[in-house]
Amino acid sequence: MGESHQETQDPSQEQKKGSYIQWSPEKNKTLINLLLDAVASGLRGSNCTFSKFTVERRILPTLNRMHRCNKTYQHYSNRTKIMKTKYLNAAELLRFSSGFGWDPTTKRFTASKDVWAEYLKISVKMHTELIF
């Protein structure tokens, strides 16, 4: 993802302004599982999101205890934005690009070289148009 700073286990260091705290794959998995458990427990509000109170009192304490870290609501909020963006990009790839598949064993997209080449050609063109 391009993060260059390593996460520290010292909670006092996690609060330093301007430093980036990297989420490990294990912490991501734990967060997702805690969110799924919270959904199953009916902890989402009427707008289908979690309140700050729920996140700070039910989800983050468990995450922090399990991984001996000090994630805050701001860390949670930033992480869920990133996860949402990745999800939407993956969903778009599968929905609008015929020829793509998903390998549940390797957890990767599958496609022939021709399909990838065409997708990359269109993707570069779209991003170039957005920039200029």
N, C-alpha and C. Protein backbone atom coordinates (compact mmCIF):
# COMPACT_ATOMS: atom_id res chain seq x y z
N MET A 1 0.81 -1.19 0.00
CA MET A 1 0.00 0.00 0.00
C MET A 1 0.85 1.25 0.00
N GLY A 2 2.12 1.13 0.14
CA GLY A 2 2.96 2.29 0.09
C GLY A 2 3.26 2.90 1.45
N GLU A 3 2.83 2.25 2.54
CA GLU A 3 3.15 2.79 3.84
C GLU A 3 4.60 2.50 4.14
N SER A 4 5.30 3.47 4.70
CA SER A 4 6.71 3.27 4.96
C SER A 4 7.02 3.21 6.44
N HIS A 5 6.13 3.65 7.28
CA HIS A 5 6.37 3.66 8.71
C HIS A 5 5.84 2.38 9.33
N GLN A 6 6.59 1.82 10.25
CA GLN A 6 6.14 0.63 10.94
C GLN A 6 5.34 1.02 12.17
N GLU A 7 4.37 0.21 12.49
CA GLU A 7 3.56 0.46 13.69
C GLU A 7 4.38 0.13 14.91
N THR A 8 4.26 0.94 15.90
CA THR A 8 4.97 0.71 17.14
C THR A 8 4.03 0.07 18.14
N GLN A 9 4.56 -0.72 19.05
CA GLN A 9 3.74 -1.33 20.08
C GLN A 9 3.56 -0.41 21.27
N ASP A 10 4.31 0.69 21.33
CA ASP A 10 4.22 1.65 22.43
C ASP A 10 3.03 2.56 22.19
N PRO A 11 1.93 2.42 22.98
CA PRO A 11 0.73 3.22 22.74
C PRO A 11 0.98 4.72 22.76
N SER A 12 1.94 5.19 23.55
CA SER A 12 2.20 6.63 23.59
C SER A 12 2.74 7.13 22.26
N GLN A 13 3.42 6.28 21.53
CA GLN A 13 3.96 6.66 20.23
C GLN A 13 2.89 6.68 19.15
N GLU A 14 1.81 5.91 19.35
CA GLU A 14 0.75 5.85 18.35
C GLU A 14 0.01 7.17 18.21
N GLN A 15 0.02 7.98 19.23
CA GLN A 15 -0.74 9.22 19.21
C GLN A 15 0.04 10.38 18.60
N LYS A 16 1.29 10.16 18.20
CA LYS A 16 2.11 11.22 17.68
C LYS A 16 1.48 11.82 16.42
N LYS A 17 1.34 13.14 16.40
CA LYS A 17 0.73 13.81 15.26
C LYS A 17 1.62 13.68 14.03
N GLY A 18 1.01 13.40 12.91
CA GLY A 18 1.74 13.33 11.66
C GLY A 18 2.34 11.96 11.37
N SER A 19 2.31 11.05 12.31
CA SER A 19 2.86 9.73 12.04
C SER A 19 1.73 8.82 11.54
N TYR A 20 2.09 7.90 10.69
CA TYR A 20 1.12 6.97 10.14
C TYR A 20 1.24 5.66 10.87
N ILE A 21 0.12 5.09 11.25
CA ILE A 21 0.11 3.82 11.94
C ILE A 21 -0.40 2.77 10.97
N GLN A 22 0.46 1.84 10.65
CA GLN A 22 0.14 0.81 9.68
C GLN A 22 -0.73 -0.26 10.32
N TRP A 23 -1.72 -0.72 9.57
CA TRP A 23 -2.59 -1.80 10.02
C TRP A 23 -2.04 -3.11 9.44
N SER A 24 -1.75 -4.05 10.30
CA SER A 24 -1.28 -5.35 9.85
C SER A 24 -2.46 -6.16 9.30
N PRO A 25 -2.16 -7.17 8.48
CA PRO A 25 -3.25 -8.03 8.00
C PRO A 25 -4.04 -8.67 9.16
N GLU A 26 -3.35 -9.00 10.23
CA GLU A 26 -4.03 -9.60 11.38
C GLU A 26 -5.00 -8.62 12.03
N LYS A 27 -4.59 -7.35 12.16
CA LYS A 27 -5.48 -6.35 12.75
C LYS A 27 -6.66 -6.08 11.83
N ASN A 28 -6.42 -6.05 10.52
CA ASN A 28 -7.52 -5.89 9.57
C ASN A 28 -8.54 -7.01 9.72
N LYS A 29 -8.03 -8.24 9.79
CA LYS A 29 -8.92 -9.40 9.91
C LYS A 29 -9.71 -9.34 11.21
N THR A 30 -9.03 -8.98 12.30
CA THR A 30 -9.72 -8.86 13.59
C THR A 30 -10.80 -7.79 13.52
N LEU A 31 -10.47 -6.63 12.94
CA LEU A 31 -11.44 -5.54 12.83
C LEU A 31 -12.66 -6.00 12.04
N ILE A 32 -12.45 -6.64 10.92
CA ILE A 32 -13.56 -7.11 10.09
C ILE A 32 -14.42 -8.12 10.86
N ASN A 33 -13.78 -9.04 11.56
CA ASN A 33 -14.54 -10.02 12.35
C ASN A 33 -15.32 -9.36 13.47
N LEU A 34 -14.72 -8.36 14.14
CA LEU A 34 -15.44 -7.64 15.19
C LEU A 34 -16.63 -6.88 14.62
N LEU A 35 -16.47 -6.30 13.44
CA LEU A 35 -17.57 -5.59 12.80
C LEU A 35 -18.69 -6.57 12.41
N LEU A 36 -18.32 -7.73 11.90
CA LEU A 36 -19.33 -8.73 11.54
C LEU A 36 -20.08 -9.21 12.78
N ASP A 37 -19.35 -9.42 13.88
CA ASP A 37 -20.00 -9.81 15.13
C ASP A 37 -20.96 -8.72 15.61
N ALA A 38 -20.54 -7.46 15.46
CA ALA A 38 -21.39 -6.34 15.88
C ALA A 38 -22.66 -6.26 15.02
N VAL A 39 -22.53 -6.53 13.73
CA VAL A 39 -23.70 -6.55 12.85
C VAL A 39 -24.65 -7.67 13.30
N ALA A 40 -24.09 -8.86 13.56
CA ALA A 40 -24.90 -9.99 13.99
C ALA A 40 -25.59 -9.72 15.32
N SER A 41 -24.98 -8.88 16.15
CA SER A 41 -25.56 -8.54 17.45
C SER A 41 -26.54 -7.38 17.37
N GLY A 42 -26.72 -6.83 16.18
CA GLY A 42 -27.67 -5.74 15.99
C GLY A 42 -27.19 -4.40 16.51
N LEU A 43 -25.89 -4.17 16.48
CA LEU A 43 -25.35 -2.93 17.04
C LEU A 43 -25.27 -1.77 16.05
N ARG A 44 -25.70 -1.99 14.81
CA ARG A 44 -25.71 -0.88 13.85
C ARG A 44 -26.92 0.01 14.08
N GLY A 45 -26.73 1.29 13.78
CA GLY A 45 -27.82 2.24 13.92
C GLY A 45 -28.80 2.15 12.77
N SER A 46 -29.78 3.04 12.77
CA SER A 46 -30.82 3.03 11.74
C SER A 46 -30.26 3.35 10.35
N ASN A 47 -29.12 4.02 10.29
CA ASN A 47 -28.51 4.33 8.99
C ASN A 47 -27.49 3.27 8.58
N CYS A 48 -27.51 2.11 9.26
CA CYS A 48 -26.66 0.96 8.95
C CYS A 48 -25.18 1.21 9.20
N THR A 49 -24.83 2.15 10.06
CA THR A 49 -23.45 2.38 10.45
C THR A 49 -23.34 2.20 11.95
N PHE A 50 -22.11 2.17 12.42
CA PHE A 50 -21.87 2.05 13.85
C PHE A 50 -21.65 3.43 14.44
N SER A 51 -22.23 3.67 15.59
CA SER A 51 -22.02 4.94 16.27
C SER A 51 -20.61 4.99 16.83
N LYS A 52 -20.14 6.20 17.05
CA LYS A 52 -18.83 6.38 17.65
C LYS A 52 -18.78 5.68 19.01
N PHE A 53 -19.86 5.77 19.75
CA PHE A 53 -19.94 5.13 21.06
C PHE A 53 -19.73 3.62 20.93
N THR A 54 -20.42 2.99 19.99
CA THR A 54 -20.30 1.55 19.78
C THR A 54 -18.87 1.16 19.41
N VAL A 55 -18.28 1.93 18.52
CA VAL A 55 -16.91 1.63 18.09
C VAL A 55 -15.95 1.77 19.27
N GLU A 56 -16.08 2.87 20.01
CA GLU A 56 -15.14 3.13 21.11
C GLU A 56 -15.36 2.22 22.31
N ARG A 57 -16.58 1.75 22.53
CA ARG A 57 -16.87 0.95 23.73
C ARG A 57 -16.94 -0.55 23.48
N ARG A 58 -17.23 -0.96 22.23
CA ARG A 58 -17.44 -2.38 21.98
C ARG A 58 -16.39 -2.99 21.05
N ILE A 59 -15.95 -2.22 20.04
CA ILE A 59 -15.07 -2.80 19.01
C ILE A 59 -13.59 -2.54 19.32
N LEU A 60 -13.23 -1.28 19.52
CA LEU A 60 -11.82 -0.94 19.71
C LEU A 60 -11.20 -1.54 20.97
N PRO A 61 -11.91 -1.60 22.11
CA PRO A 61 -11.27 -2.22 23.28
C PRO A 61 -10.85 -3.67 23.02
N THR A 62 -11.67 -4.42 22.32
CA THR A 62 -11.34 -5.81 22.01
C THR A 62 -10.15 -5.87 21.05
N LEU A 63 -10.18 -5.06 20.01
CA LEU A 63 -9.07 -5.01 19.05
C LEU A 63 -7.77 -4.64 19.76
N ASN A 64 -7.81 -3.60 20.58
CA ASN A 64 -6.61 -3.13 21.27
C ASN A 64 -6.08 -4.17 22.25
N ARG A 65 -6.98 -4.85 22.94
CA ARG A 65 -6.56 -5.88 23.89
C ARG A 65 -5.94 -7.07 23.15
N MET A 66 -6.57 -7.49 22.06
CA MET A 66 -6.08 -8.66 21.33
C MET A 66 -4.72 -8.42 20.69
N HIS A 67 -4.48 -7.19 20.23
CA HIS A 67 -3.24 -6.91 19.50
C HIS A 67 -2.27 -6.00 20.27
N ARG A 68 -2.61 -5.73 21.53
CA ARG A 68 -1.77 -4.89 22.37
C ARG A 68 -1.38 -3.60 21.65
N CYS A 69 -2.40 -2.89 21.17
CA CYS A 69 -2.20 -1.62 20.48
C CYS A 69 -3.14 -0.59 21.08
N ASN A 70 -3.17 0.59 20.51
CA ASN A 70 -4.00 1.67 21.04
C ASN A 70 -4.70 2.39 19.89
N LYS A 71 -5.51 1.67 19.15
CA LYS A 71 -6.25 2.27 18.04
C LYS A 71 -7.36 3.16 18.59
N THR A 72 -7.55 4.29 17.94
CA THR A 72 -8.58 5.24 18.34
C THR A 72 -9.70 5.25 17.30
N TYR A 73 -10.73 6.01 17.59
CA TYR A 73 -11.83 6.13 16.64
C TYR A 73 -11.34 6.72 15.31
N GLN A 74 -10.39 7.64 15.37
CA GLN A 74 -9.85 8.23 14.14
C GLN A 74 -9.13 7.16 13.31
N HIS A 75 -8.37 6.28 13.97
CA HIS A 75 -7.72 5.19 13.25
C HIS A 75 -8.77 4.30 12.59
N TYR A 76 -9.81 3.97 13.35
CA TYR A 76 -10.91 3.13 12.83
C TYR A 76 -11.56 3.80 11.62
N SER A 77 -11.86 5.08 11.76
CA SER A 77 -12.53 5.81 10.69
C SER A 77 -11.69 5.83 9.42
N ASN A 78 -10.42 6.11 9.56
CA ASN A 78 -9.52 6.13 8.40
C ASN A 78 -9.42 4.75 7.77
N ARG A 79 -9.33 3.72 8.60
CA ARG A 79 -9.19 2.36 8.08
C ARG A 79 -10.43 1.92 7.33
N THR A 80 -11.60 2.23 7.87
CA THR A 80 -12.82 1.81 7.19
C THR A 80 -13.01 2.55 5.87
N LYS A 81 -12.55 3.78 5.78
CA LYS A 81 -12.60 4.50 4.49
C LYS A 81 -11.74 3.81 3.45
N ILE A 82 -10.54 3.40 3.87
CA ILE A 82 -9.63 2.70 2.95
C ILE A 82 -10.23 1.36 2.53
N MET A 83 -10.78 0.62 3.49
CA MET A 83 -11.38 -0.68 3.16
C MET A 83 -12.57 -0.51 2.22
N LYS A 84 -13.35 0.52 2.43
CA LYS A 84 -14.50 0.76 1.55
C LYS A 84 -14.04 1.07 0.13
N THR A 85 -13.02 1.89 -0.01
CA THR A 85 -12.48 2.22 -1.33
C THR A 85 -11.97 0.97 -2.03
N LYS A 86 -11.23 0.13 -1.31
CA LYS A 86 -10.72 -1.11 -1.90
C LYS A 86 -11.87 -2.04 -2.31
N TYR A 87 -12.87 -2.12 -1.46
CA TYR A 87 -14.02 -2.97 -1.78
C TYR A 87 -14.73 -2.47 -3.04
N LEU A 88 -14.97 -1.17 -3.12
CA LEU A 88 -15.67 -0.62 -4.28
C LEU A 88 -14.86 -0.82 -5.55
N ASN A 89 -13.53 -0.69 -5.48
CA ASN A 89 -12.69 -0.93 -6.65
C ASN A 89 -12.75 -2.38 -7.09
N ALA A 90 -12.71 -3.30 -6.13
CA ALA A 90 -12.79 -4.73 -6.46
C ALA A 90 -14.16 -5.07 -7.03
N ALA A 91 -15.21 -4.52 -6.44
CA ALA A 91 -16.56 -4.79 -6.93
C ALA A 91 -16.73 -4.26 -8.35
N GLU A 92 -16.18 -3.10 -8.61
CA GLU A 92 -16.26 -2.52 -9.96
C GLU A 92 -15.53 -3.41 -10.96
N LEU A 93 -14.37 -3.90 -10.57
CA LEU A 93 -13.60 -4.77 -11.44
C LEU A 93 -14.40 -6.01 -11.83
N LEU A 94 -15.04 -6.62 -10.86
CA LEU A 94 -15.83 -7.81 -11.14
C LEU A 94 -17.12 -7.51 -11.89
N ARG A 95 -17.76 -6.40 -11.54
CA ARG A 95 -19.07 -6.09 -12.11
C ARG A 95 -18.98 -5.62 -13.55
N PHE A 96 -18.02 -4.79 -13.87
CA PHE A 96 -17.98 -4.15 -15.18
C PHE A 96 -16.93 -4.70 -16.13
N SER A 97 -16.21 -5.70 -15.71
CA SER A 97 -15.14 -6.23 -16.55
C SER A 97 -15.36 -7.71 -16.79
N SER A 98 -15.95 -8.00 -17.92
CA SER A 98 -16.18 -9.40 -18.23
C SER A 98 -14.84 -10.09 -18.43
N GLY A 99 -14.79 -11.34 -18.08
CA GLY A 99 -13.55 -12.10 -18.22
C GLY A 99 -12.78 -12.22 -16.91
N PHE A 100 -13.19 -11.48 -15.87
CA PHE A 100 -12.53 -11.58 -14.58
C PHE A 100 -13.24 -12.60 -13.71
N GLY A 101 -12.46 -13.26 -12.90
CA GLY A 101 -13.01 -14.19 -11.94
C GLY A 101 -12.31 -14.01 -10.61
N TRP A 102 -12.63 -14.86 -9.67
CA TRP A 102 -12.04 -14.81 -8.34
C TRP A 102 -11.62 -16.20 -7.92
N ASP A 103 -10.37 -16.33 -7.48
CA ASP A 103 -9.88 -17.60 -6.99
C ASP A 103 -9.92 -17.57 -5.47
N PRO A 104 -10.85 -18.31 -4.83
CA PRO A 104 -10.98 -18.26 -3.38
C PRO A 104 -9.79 -18.85 -2.63
N THR A 105 -9.03 -19.71 -3.29
CA THR A 105 -7.86 -20.30 -2.64
C THR A 105 -6.73 -19.29 -2.51
N THR A 106 -6.40 -18.63 -3.63
CA THR A 106 -5.30 -17.64 -3.61
C THR A 106 -5.79 -16.26 -3.23
N LYS A 107 -7.13 -16.08 -3.23
CA LYS A 107 -7.75 -14.79 -2.91
C LYS A 107 -7.24 -13.69 -3.86
N ARG A 108 -7.27 -14.04 -5.14
CA ARG A 108 -6.83 -13.10 -6.18
C ARG A 108 -7.78 -13.15 -7.36
N PHE A 109 -7.79 -12.02 -8.10
CA PHE A 109 -8.56 -11.98 -9.33
C PHE A 109 -7.86 -12.83 -10.38
N THR A 110 -8.67 -13.43 -11.23
CA THR A 110 -8.13 -14.24 -12.31
C THR A 110 -8.66 -13.70 -13.64
N ALA A 111 -7.81 -13.76 -14.63
CA ALA A 111 -8.19 -13.36 -15.99
C ALA A 111 -7.07 -13.75 -16.92
N SER A 112 -7.41 -13.84 -18.19
CA SER A 112 -6.38 -14.13 -19.19
C SER A 112 -5.52 -12.88 -19.39
N LYS A 113 -4.37 -13.07 -20.02
CA LYS A 113 -3.47 -11.94 -20.29
C LYS A 113 -4.16 -10.89 -21.16
N ASP A 114 -4.97 -11.33 -22.11
CA ASP A 114 -5.68 -10.40 -22.99
C ASP A 114 -6.68 -9.54 -22.20
N VAL A 115 -7.40 -10.16 -21.27
CA VAL A 115 -8.37 -9.43 -20.45
C VAL A 115 -7.65 -8.40 -19.58
N TRP A 116 -6.54 -8.81 -18.95
CA TRP A 116 -5.76 -7.86 -18.13
C TRP A 116 -5.23 -6.71 -18.97
N ALA A 117 -4.72 -7.01 -20.15
CA ALA A 117 -4.16 -5.97 -21.02
C ALA A 117 -5.24 -4.95 -21.39
N GLU A 118 -6.42 -5.44 -21.75
CA GLU A 118 -7.52 -4.53 -22.11
C GLU A 118 -7.97 -3.70 -20.91
N TYR A 119 -8.07 -4.34 -19.76
CA TYR A 119 -8.46 -3.61 -18.55
C TYR A 119 -7.45 -2.52 -18.22
N LEU A 120 -6.17 -2.84 -18.28
CA LEU A 120 -5.13 -1.85 -17.96
C LEU A 120 -5.14 -0.71 -18.97
N LYS A 121 -5.37 -1.02 -20.22
CA LYS A 121 -5.42 0.01 -21.26
C LYS A 121 -6.57 0.99 -20.97
N ILE A 122 -7.73 0.46 -20.66
CA ILE A 122 -8.90 1.31 -20.36
C ILE A 122 -8.68 2.06 -19.04
N SER A 123 -8.14 1.39 -18.05
CA SER A 123 -7.91 2.01 -16.76
C SER A 123 -6.94 3.18 -16.85
N VAL A 124 -5.85 3.01 -17.58
CA VAL A 124 -4.87 4.09 -17.75
C VAL A 124 -5.52 5.26 -18.48
N LYS A 125 -6.30 4.97 -19.50
CA LYS A 125 -6.98 6.03 -20.25
C LYS A 125 -7.93 6.81 -19.35
N MET A 126 -8.72 6.09 -18.53
CA MET A 126 -9.67 6.76 -17.63
C MET A 126 -8.95 7.63 -16.62
N HIS A 127 -7.87 7.13 -16.04
CA HIS A 127 -7.14 7.91 -15.04
C HIS A 127 -6.45 9.11 -15.68
N THR A 128 -5.96 8.95 -16.90
CA THR A 128 -5.33 10.06 -17.60
C THR A 128 -6.36 11.16 -17.87
N GLU A 129 -7.56 10.78 -18.26
CA GLU A 129 -8.61 11.77 -18.52
C GLU A 129 -9.01 12.49 -17.24
N LEU A 130 -9.01 11.80 -16.12
CA LEU A 130 -9.36 12.42 -14.85
C LEU A 130 -8.30 13.43 -14.40
N ILE A 131 -7.04 13.12 -14.68
CA ILE A 131 -5.94 14.00 -14.24
C ILE A 131 -5.87 15.25 -15.11
N PHE A 132 -6.03 15.08 -16.43
CA PHE A 132 -5.88 16.21 -17.34
C PHE A 132 -7.20 16.70 -17.76
